[in-house]
């Protein structure tokens, strides 16, 4: 129960942090580097799979990544860019906050549902893969949108 509570609190703190980072980022021009670096930084989390307690089977890998891709559609829909002068800016979406907290709530419900049948380590591994699948597909979509606007700008 302690780990469930602690990981939920950490996830909530991360969601709140993401909201502030996203709002701050919308004040500065977007760039390819700003779009692709977060997934690269997050990829270091895959080192958790070096420890047997976090390893998941192949079916769980595909399930988690698939759910992450589905979740990313909400973020993709709310991530848009606009040209201001000679620069491209990310438009802050009012629904982004609700989507992040909705995903957090959904994640908590799923964690409670499967937490009794799947070990904490496996659950952690699956949620990492879910988040990674979500951020990769979201950032790829953002990159395509950005590149399209970049062509218009030139």
N, C-alpha and C. Protein backbone atom coordinates (compact mmCIF):
# COMPACT_ATOMS: atom_id res chain seq x y z
N UNK A 1 0.83 -1.20 0.00
CA UNK A 1 0.00 0.00 0.00
C UNK A 1 0.88 1.26 0.00
N UNK A 2 2.01 1.18 0.72
CA UNK A 2 2.91 2.34 0.77
C UNK A 2 3.40 2.71 -0.62
N UNK A 3 3.84 1.69 -1.40
CA UNK A 3 4.39 1.96 -2.72
C UNK A 3 3.32 2.51 -3.66
N UNK A 4 2.10 2.02 -3.54
CA UNK A 4 1.01 2.52 -4.36
C UNK A 4 0.75 3.99 -4.07
N UNK A 5 0.70 4.33 -2.80
CA UNK A 5 0.47 5.73 -2.40
C UNK A 5 1.64 6.62 -2.81
N UNK A 6 2.85 6.16 -2.55
CA UNK A 6 4.03 6.96 -2.89
C UNK A 6 4.14 7.18 -4.39
N UNK A 7 3.93 6.14 -5.18
CA UNK A 7 4.04 6.30 -6.63
C UNK A 7 2.92 7.18 -7.19
N UNK A 8 1.75 7.15 -6.57
CA UNK A 8 0.65 8.01 -7.00
C UNK A 8 0.96 9.47 -6.70
N UNK A 9 1.51 9.73 -5.54
CA UNK A 9 1.89 11.11 -5.18
C UNK A 9 2.98 11.62 -6.12
N UNK A 10 3.95 10.78 -6.41
CA UNK A 10 5.03 11.18 -7.33
C UNK A 10 4.46 11.46 -8.72
N UNK A 11 3.53 10.62 -9.18
CA UNK A 11 2.91 10.83 -10.49
C UNK A 11 2.14 12.15 -10.52
N UNK A 12 1.46 12.48 -9.43
CA UNK A 12 0.72 13.75 -9.36
C UNK A 12 1.67 14.93 -9.41
N UNK A 13 2.78 14.83 -8.70
CA UNK A 13 3.79 15.90 -8.71
C UNK A 13 4.36 16.06 -10.12
N UNK A 14 4.60 14.94 -10.79
CA UNK A 14 5.12 15.00 -12.16
C UNK A 14 4.11 15.66 -13.10
N UNK A 15 2.82 15.35 -12.93
CA UNK A 15 1.79 15.95 -13.78
C UNK A 15 1.72 17.46 -13.57
N UNK A 16 1.78 17.89 -12.32
CA UNK A 16 1.76 19.32 -12.02
C UNK A 16 3.00 20.00 -12.60
N UNK A 17 4.14 19.35 -12.47
CA UNK A 17 5.38 19.90 -13.03
C UNK A 17 5.27 20.04 -14.54
N UNK A 18 4.70 19.03 -15.21
CA UNK A 18 4.54 19.08 -16.66
C UNK A 18 3.65 20.25 -17.08
N UNK A 19 2.63 20.54 -16.31
CA UNK A 19 1.74 21.66 -16.63
C UNK A 19 2.52 22.96 -16.62
N UNK A 20 3.33 23.17 -15.58
CA UNK A 20 4.11 24.40 -15.50
C UNK A 20 5.18 24.48 -16.59
N UNK A 21 5.81 23.37 -16.88
CA UNK A 21 6.83 23.34 -17.94
C UNK A 21 6.18 23.66 -19.29
N UNK A 22 5.03 23.08 -19.54
CA UNK A 22 4.34 23.32 -20.81
C UNK A 22 3.92 24.78 -20.95
N UNK A 23 3.41 25.37 -19.87
CA UNK A 23 3.01 26.78 -19.91
C UNK A 23 4.22 27.69 -20.14
N UNK A 24 5.32 27.38 -19.49
CA UNK A 24 6.54 28.16 -19.66
C UNK A 24 7.10 28.02 -21.07
N UNK A 25 7.05 26.82 -21.61
CA UNK A 25 7.58 26.56 -22.95
C UNK A 25 6.81 27.31 -24.03
N UNK A 26 5.54 27.58 -23.79
CA UNK A 26 4.73 28.25 -24.81
C UNK A 26 5.11 29.72 -24.97
N UNK A 27 5.90 30.26 -24.07
CA UNK A 27 6.33 31.66 -24.16
C UNK A 27 7.56 31.83 -25.04
N UNK A 28 8.22 30.73 -25.35
CA UNK A 28 9.44 30.78 -26.17
C UNK A 28 9.19 30.02 -27.47
N UNK A 29 9.91 30.39 -28.53
CA UNK A 29 9.73 29.67 -29.80
C UNK A 29 10.06 28.18 -29.66
N UNK A 30 9.31 27.38 -30.38
CA UNK A 30 9.54 25.93 -30.39
C UNK A 30 10.73 25.63 -31.32
N UNK A 31 11.31 24.46 -31.12
CA UNK A 31 12.39 24.02 -31.99
C UNK A 31 12.38 22.49 -32.03
N UNK A 32 13.05 21.96 -33.01
CA UNK A 32 13.16 20.50 -33.13
C UNK A 32 13.80 19.93 -31.87
N UNK A 33 14.84 20.59 -31.40
CA UNK A 33 15.55 20.13 -30.20
C UNK A 33 14.60 20.05 -28.99
N UNK A 34 13.77 21.06 -28.81
CA UNK A 34 12.84 21.07 -27.67
C UNK A 34 11.76 19.99 -27.80
N UNK A 35 11.50 19.57 -29.02
CA UNK A 35 10.49 18.53 -29.24
C UNK A 35 11.07 17.14 -29.01
N UNK A 36 12.30 16.91 -29.48
CA UNK A 36 12.83 15.53 -29.41
C UNK A 36 13.62 15.21 -28.15
N UNK A 37 14.08 16.22 -27.41
CA UNK A 37 14.88 15.92 -26.22
C UNK A 37 14.11 15.23 -25.09
N UNK A 38 12.87 15.62 -24.75
CA UNK A 38 12.19 14.93 -23.64
C UNK A 38 12.11 13.41 -23.79
N UNK A 39 11.74 12.87 -24.97
CA UNK A 39 11.75 11.40 -25.06
C UNK A 39 13.15 10.80 -24.92
N UNK A 40 14.15 11.51 -25.40
CA UNK A 40 15.52 11.00 -25.25
C UNK A 40 15.92 10.96 -23.77
N UNK A 41 15.58 12.02 -23.05
CA UNK A 41 15.89 12.03 -21.61
C UNK A 41 15.12 10.93 -20.89
N UNK A 42 13.87 10.75 -21.27
CA UNK A 42 13.04 9.73 -20.62
C UNK A 42 13.54 8.32 -20.92
N UNK A 43 14.16 8.14 -22.06
CA UNK A 43 14.60 6.81 -22.44
C UNK A 43 15.61 6.21 -21.46
N UNK A 44 16.29 7.06 -20.70
CA UNK A 44 17.23 6.53 -19.71
C UNK A 44 16.51 5.72 -18.63
N UNK A 45 15.22 5.96 -18.47
CA UNK A 45 14.43 5.20 -17.51
C UNK A 45 14.35 3.72 -17.86
N UNK A 46 14.63 3.39 -19.12
CA UNK A 46 14.60 1.98 -19.53
C UNK A 46 15.68 1.17 -18.82
N UNK A 47 16.62 1.85 -18.20
CA UNK A 47 17.65 1.13 -17.43
C UNK A 47 17.02 0.35 -16.27
N UNK A 48 15.79 0.70 -15.90
CA UNK A 48 15.11 -0.04 -14.83
C UNK A 48 14.97 -1.51 -15.20
N UNK A 49 14.90 -1.80 -16.50
CA UNK A 49 14.71 -3.18 -16.93
C UNK A 49 15.97 -4.03 -16.78
N UNK A 50 17.07 -3.43 -16.35
CA UNK A 50 18.26 -4.21 -16.02
C UNK A 50 18.02 -5.04 -14.76
N UNK A 51 17.07 -4.58 -13.93
CA UNK A 51 16.76 -5.27 -12.68
C UNK A 51 15.56 -6.20 -12.91
N UNK A 52 15.70 -7.45 -12.56
CA UNK A 52 14.65 -8.44 -12.84
C UNK A 52 13.26 -8.08 -12.28
N UNK A 53 13.20 -7.35 -11.19
CA UNK A 53 11.92 -7.04 -10.57
C UNK A 53 11.03 -6.19 -11.49
N UNK A 54 11.63 -5.43 -12.41
CA UNK A 54 10.87 -4.54 -13.30
C UNK A 54 10.56 -5.16 -14.66
N UNK A 55 11.09 -6.31 -14.93
CA UNK A 55 10.91 -6.91 -16.26
C UNK A 55 9.48 -7.39 -16.46
N UNK A 56 9.02 -7.23 -17.70
CA UNK A 56 7.67 -7.65 -18.07
C UNK A 56 7.78 -8.56 -19.30
N UNK A 57 6.74 -9.36 -19.51
CA UNK A 57 6.78 -10.26 -20.67
C UNK A 57 6.41 -9.48 -21.94
N UNK A 58 6.61 -10.12 -23.07
CA UNK A 58 6.43 -9.46 -24.37
C UNK A 58 5.00 -8.96 -24.55
N UNK A 59 4.02 -9.73 -24.14
CA UNK A 59 2.62 -9.32 -24.28
C UNK A 59 2.35 -8.05 -23.47
N UNK A 60 2.89 -7.98 -22.25
CA UNK A 60 2.71 -6.78 -21.42
C UNK A 60 3.40 -5.57 -22.05
N UNK A 61 4.53 -5.78 -22.71
CA UNK A 61 5.22 -4.68 -23.40
C UNK A 61 4.30 -4.10 -24.47
N UNK A 62 3.76 -4.98 -25.33
CA UNK A 62 2.89 -4.51 -26.41
C UNK A 62 1.61 -3.87 -25.87
N UNK A 63 1.03 -4.45 -24.81
CA UNK A 63 -0.18 -3.87 -24.22
C UNK A 63 0.10 -2.45 -23.71
N UNK A 64 1.18 -2.29 -22.97
CA UNK A 64 1.50 -0.99 -22.37
C UNK A 64 1.79 0.06 -23.44
N UNK A 65 2.56 -0.32 -24.45
CA UNK A 65 2.88 0.65 -25.51
C UNK A 65 1.62 1.00 -26.30
N UNK A 66 0.78 0.02 -26.57
CA UNK A 66 -0.47 0.27 -27.29
C UNK A 66 -1.37 1.25 -26.53
N UNK A 67 -1.54 1.03 -25.25
CA UNK A 67 -2.35 1.94 -24.43
C UNK A 67 -1.72 3.33 -24.41
N UNK A 68 -0.40 3.40 -24.33
CA UNK A 68 0.29 4.69 -24.37
C UNK A 68 0.02 5.44 -25.66
N UNK A 69 0.04 4.72 -26.77
CA UNK A 69 -0.24 5.35 -28.07
C UNK A 69 -1.68 5.85 -28.11
N UNK A 70 -2.60 5.08 -27.59
CA UNK A 70 -4.00 5.52 -27.54
C UNK A 70 -4.12 6.79 -26.69
N UNK A 71 -3.48 6.81 -25.53
CA UNK A 71 -3.52 8.00 -24.66
C UNK A 71 -2.91 9.21 -25.35
N UNK A 72 -1.93 8.98 -26.20
CA UNK A 72 -1.25 10.11 -26.84
C UNK A 72 -2.17 10.89 -27.77
N UNK A 73 -3.23 10.26 -28.26
CA UNK A 73 -4.13 10.95 -29.17
C UNK A 73 -4.72 12.21 -28.52
N UNK A 74 -4.99 12.14 -27.22
CA UNK A 74 -5.52 13.31 -26.53
C UNK A 74 -4.50 14.44 -26.53
N UNK A 75 -3.25 14.10 -26.31
CA UNK A 75 -2.19 15.12 -26.29
C UNK A 75 -1.90 15.63 -27.70
N UNK A 76 -1.96 14.77 -28.68
CA UNK A 76 -1.71 15.17 -30.07
C UNK A 76 -2.77 16.18 -30.51
N UNK A 77 -4.02 15.91 -30.17
CA UNK A 77 -5.11 16.81 -30.56
C UNK A 77 -4.97 18.19 -29.93
N UNK A 78 -4.37 18.28 -28.76
CA UNK A 78 -4.28 19.56 -28.06
C UNK A 78 -2.92 20.25 -28.25
N UNK A 79 -2.04 19.65 -29.01
CA UNK A 79 -0.72 20.24 -29.25
C UNK A 79 -0.67 20.84 -30.65
N UNK A 80 -0.81 22.13 -30.71
CA UNK A 80 -0.79 22.82 -31.99
C UNK A 80 0.22 23.95 -31.95
N UNK A 81 0.66 24.33 -33.12
CA UNK A 81 1.65 25.39 -33.26
C UNK A 81 1.06 26.53 -34.06
N UNK A 82 1.67 27.70 -33.91
CA UNK A 82 1.30 28.85 -34.73
C UNK A 82 2.55 29.65 -35.05
N UNK A 83 2.48 30.32 -36.17
CA UNK A 83 3.61 31.16 -36.59
C UNK A 83 3.35 32.57 -36.08
N UNK A 84 4.34 33.11 -35.37
CA UNK A 84 4.31 34.49 -34.90
C UNK A 84 5.59 35.14 -35.40
N UNK A 85 5.44 36.03 -36.36
CA UNK A 85 6.64 36.66 -36.92
C UNK A 85 7.45 35.64 -37.68
N UNK A 86 8.69 35.46 -37.25
CA UNK A 86 9.60 34.51 -37.92
C UNK A 86 9.77 33.22 -37.12
N UNK A 87 8.96 33.04 -36.09
CA UNK A 87 9.13 31.88 -35.21
C UNK A 87 7.84 31.07 -35.10
N UNK A 88 8.01 29.82 -34.68
CA UNK A 88 6.89 28.92 -34.45
C UNK A 88 6.75 28.72 -32.95
N UNK A 89 5.53 28.91 -32.46
CA UNK A 89 5.24 28.77 -31.03
C UNK A 89 4.22 27.66 -30.81
N UNK A 90 4.37 26.97 -29.68
CA UNK A 90 3.38 25.99 -29.25
C UNK A 90 2.22 26.76 -28.64
N UNK A 91 1.01 26.48 -29.08
CA UNK A 91 -0.18 27.16 -28.55
C UNK A 91 -0.58 26.46 -27.26
N UNK A 92 -0.64 27.19 -26.14
CA UNK A 92 -1.07 26.54 -24.90
C UNK A 92 -2.56 26.17 -24.97
N UNK A 93 -2.87 24.94 -24.64
CA UNK A 93 -4.24 24.46 -24.69
C UNK A 93 -4.82 24.44 -23.28
N UNK A 94 -6.01 24.98 -23.15
CA UNK A 94 -6.69 24.97 -21.84
C UNK A 94 -7.06 23.55 -21.42
N UNK A 95 -7.29 22.68 -22.38
CA UNK A 95 -7.68 21.31 -22.06
C UNK A 95 -6.49 20.44 -21.65
N UNK A 96 -5.26 20.91 -21.88
CA UNK A 96 -4.07 20.12 -21.55
C UNK A 96 -4.06 19.74 -20.07
N UNK A 97 -4.41 20.69 -19.21
CA UNK A 97 -4.43 20.44 -17.76
C UNK A 97 -5.43 19.33 -17.43
N UNK A 98 -6.62 19.41 -18.03
CA UNK A 98 -7.65 18.41 -17.76
C UNK A 98 -7.26 17.04 -18.32
N UNK A 99 -6.62 17.05 -19.47
CA UNK A 99 -6.17 15.79 -20.06
C UNK A 99 -5.11 15.13 -19.19
N UNK A 100 -4.14 15.91 -18.73
CA UNK A 100 -3.09 15.35 -17.88
C UNK A 100 -3.66 14.76 -16.59
N UNK A 101 -4.56 15.50 -15.95
CA UNK A 101 -5.14 14.98 -14.71
C UNK A 101 -6.11 13.84 -14.98
N UNK A 102 -6.77 13.86 -16.12
CA UNK A 102 -7.63 12.73 -16.49
C UNK A 102 -6.81 11.46 -16.70
N UNK A 103 -5.67 11.62 -17.39
CA UNK A 103 -4.79 10.47 -17.60
C UNK A 103 -4.22 9.98 -16.27
N UNK A 104 -3.90 10.90 -15.38
CA UNK A 104 -3.41 10.52 -14.06
C UNK A 104 -4.47 9.73 -13.29
N UNK A 105 -5.70 10.22 -13.31
CA UNK A 105 -6.79 9.52 -12.62
C UNK A 105 -7.01 8.14 -13.22
N UNK A 106 -7.01 8.06 -14.55
CA UNK A 106 -7.17 6.77 -15.23
C UNK A 106 -6.03 5.82 -14.84
N UNK A 107 -4.83 6.37 -14.79
CA UNK A 107 -3.66 5.57 -14.42
C UNK A 107 -3.81 5.02 -13.00
N UNK A 108 -4.28 5.84 -12.08
CA UNK A 108 -4.47 5.41 -10.70
C UNK A 108 -5.50 4.29 -10.63
N UNK A 109 -6.60 4.44 -11.37
CA UNK A 109 -7.65 3.42 -11.37
C UNK A 109 -7.11 2.11 -11.92
N UNK A 110 -6.37 2.18 -13.03
CA UNK A 110 -5.79 0.97 -13.62
C UNK A 110 -4.79 0.34 -12.65
N UNK A 111 -3.97 1.20 -12.01
CA UNK A 111 -2.98 0.68 -11.07
C UNK A 111 -3.65 -0.04 -9.91
N UNK A 112 -4.75 0.51 -9.42
CA UNK A 112 -5.49 -0.15 -8.34
C UNK A 112 -6.10 -1.46 -8.82
N UNK A 113 -6.56 -1.49 -10.05
CA UNK A 113 -7.20 -2.69 -10.58
C UNK A 113 -6.20 -3.82 -10.82
N UNK A 114 -5.04 -3.49 -11.38
CA UNK A 114 -4.09 -4.56 -11.69
C UNK A 114 -3.03 -4.75 -10.62
N UNK A 115 -2.95 -3.81 -9.68
CA UNK A 115 -1.93 -3.87 -8.65
C UNK A 115 -2.00 -5.10 -7.77
N UNK A 116 -3.19 -5.68 -7.67
CA UNK A 116 -3.33 -6.86 -6.82
C UNK A 116 -2.96 -8.15 -7.56
N UNK A 117 -2.91 -8.09 -8.89
CA UNK A 117 -2.59 -9.30 -9.65
C UNK A 117 -1.20 -9.26 -10.28
N UNK A 118 -0.65 -8.08 -10.42
CA UNK A 118 0.68 -7.92 -11.01
C UNK A 118 1.58 -7.26 -9.96
N UNK A 119 2.81 -7.71 -9.84
CA UNK A 119 3.72 -7.18 -8.83
C UNK A 119 3.99 -5.69 -9.05
N UNK A 120 4.44 -5.03 -7.99
CA UNK A 120 4.73 -3.60 -8.07
C UNK A 120 5.80 -3.31 -9.12
N UNK A 121 6.83 -4.15 -9.21
CA UNK A 121 7.89 -3.95 -10.18
C UNK A 121 7.38 -4.07 -11.61
N UNK A 122 6.58 -5.11 -11.87
CA UNK A 122 6.01 -5.27 -13.21
C UNK A 122 5.07 -4.11 -13.55
N UNK A 123 4.27 -3.69 -12.58
CA UNK A 123 3.37 -2.56 -12.80
C UNK A 123 4.18 -1.30 -13.14
N UNK A 124 5.26 -1.10 -12.41
CA UNK A 124 6.13 0.06 -12.67
C UNK A 124 6.71 -0.02 -14.08
N UNK A 125 7.17 -1.19 -14.47
CA UNK A 125 7.70 -1.37 -15.82
C UNK A 125 6.66 -1.11 -16.89
N UNK A 126 5.45 -1.61 -16.66
CA UNK A 126 4.38 -1.40 -17.64
C UNK A 126 4.00 0.08 -17.74
N UNK A 127 3.95 0.78 -16.61
CA UNK A 127 3.59 2.19 -16.66
C UNK A 127 4.70 3.04 -17.27
N UNK A 128 5.94 2.61 -17.11
CA UNK A 128 7.02 3.30 -17.81
C UNK A 128 6.84 3.14 -19.32
N UNK A 129 6.57 1.91 -19.76
CA UNK A 129 6.37 1.66 -21.19
C UNK A 129 5.16 2.40 -21.73
N UNK A 130 4.10 2.46 -20.93
CA UNK A 130 2.91 3.21 -21.33
C UNK A 130 3.27 4.69 -21.54
N UNK A 131 3.95 5.27 -20.57
CA UNK A 131 4.34 6.68 -20.66
C UNK A 131 5.30 6.91 -21.82
N UNK A 132 6.21 5.99 -22.02
CA UNK A 132 7.18 6.13 -23.10
C UNK A 132 6.49 6.03 -24.46
N UNK A 133 5.58 5.07 -24.61
CA UNK A 133 4.80 4.96 -25.84
C UNK A 133 3.99 6.21 -26.11
N UNK A 134 3.47 6.79 -25.05
CA UNK A 134 2.67 8.01 -25.18
C UNK A 134 3.55 9.18 -25.60
N UNK A 135 4.67 9.38 -24.94
CA UNK A 135 5.50 10.55 -25.25
C UNK A 135 6.16 10.44 -26.62
N UNK A 136 6.55 9.23 -27.01
CA UNK A 136 7.17 9.05 -28.33
C UNK A 136 6.18 9.40 -29.44
N UNK A 137 4.97 8.83 -29.37
CA UNK A 137 4.00 9.09 -30.44
C UNK A 137 3.54 10.55 -30.42
N UNK A 138 3.38 11.13 -29.24
CA UNK A 138 2.98 12.53 -29.12
C UNK A 138 4.05 13.45 -29.71
N UNK A 139 5.29 13.22 -29.34
CA UNK A 139 6.39 14.08 -29.81
C UNK A 139 6.65 13.89 -31.30
N UNK A 140 6.47 12.69 -31.83
CA UNK A 140 6.60 12.49 -33.27
C UNK A 140 5.53 13.29 -34.02
N UNK A 141 4.30 13.25 -33.52
CA UNK A 141 3.22 14.03 -34.14
C UNK A 141 3.53 15.52 -34.06
N UNK A 142 4.06 15.97 -32.90
CA UNK A 142 4.44 17.38 -32.76
C UNK A 142 5.54 17.74 -33.76
N UNK A 143 6.49 16.85 -33.94
CA UNK A 143 7.59 17.10 -34.87
C UNK A 143 7.08 17.25 -36.30
N UNK A 144 6.13 16.38 -36.71
CA UNK A 144 5.56 16.49 -38.05
C UNK A 144 4.81 17.81 -38.22
N UNK A 145 4.03 18.20 -37.20
CA UNK A 145 3.30 19.48 -37.26
C UNK A 145 4.28 20.65 -37.33
N UNK A 146 5.32 20.58 -36.54
CA UNK A 146 6.33 21.65 -36.52
C UNK A 146 7.02 21.75 -37.88
N UNK A 147 7.43 20.63 -38.43
CA UNK A 147 8.13 20.62 -39.71
C UNK A 147 7.24 21.16 -40.84
N UNK A 148 5.96 20.85 -40.78
CA UNK A 148 5.02 21.35 -41.78
C UNK A 148 4.96 22.89 -41.71
N UNK A 149 4.86 23.42 -40.52
CA UNK A 149 4.84 24.88 -40.36
C UNK A 149 6.18 25.50 -40.72
N UNK A 150 7.25 24.80 -40.43
CA UNK A 150 8.59 25.30 -40.76
C UNK A 150 8.74 25.46 -42.28
N UNK A 151 8.17 24.53 -43.05
CA UNK A 151 8.19 24.64 -44.51
C UNK A 151 7.40 25.87 -44.97
N UNK A 152 6.24 26.10 -44.34
CA UNK A 152 5.44 27.28 -44.67
C UNK A 152 6.20 28.56 -44.37
N UNK A 153 6.93 28.55 -43.27
CA UNK A 153 7.66 29.72 -42.83
C UNK A 153 8.76 30.09 -43.83
N UNK A 154 9.37 29.08 -44.45
CA UNK A 154 10.45 29.32 -45.41
C UNK A 154 9.84 29.65 -46.73
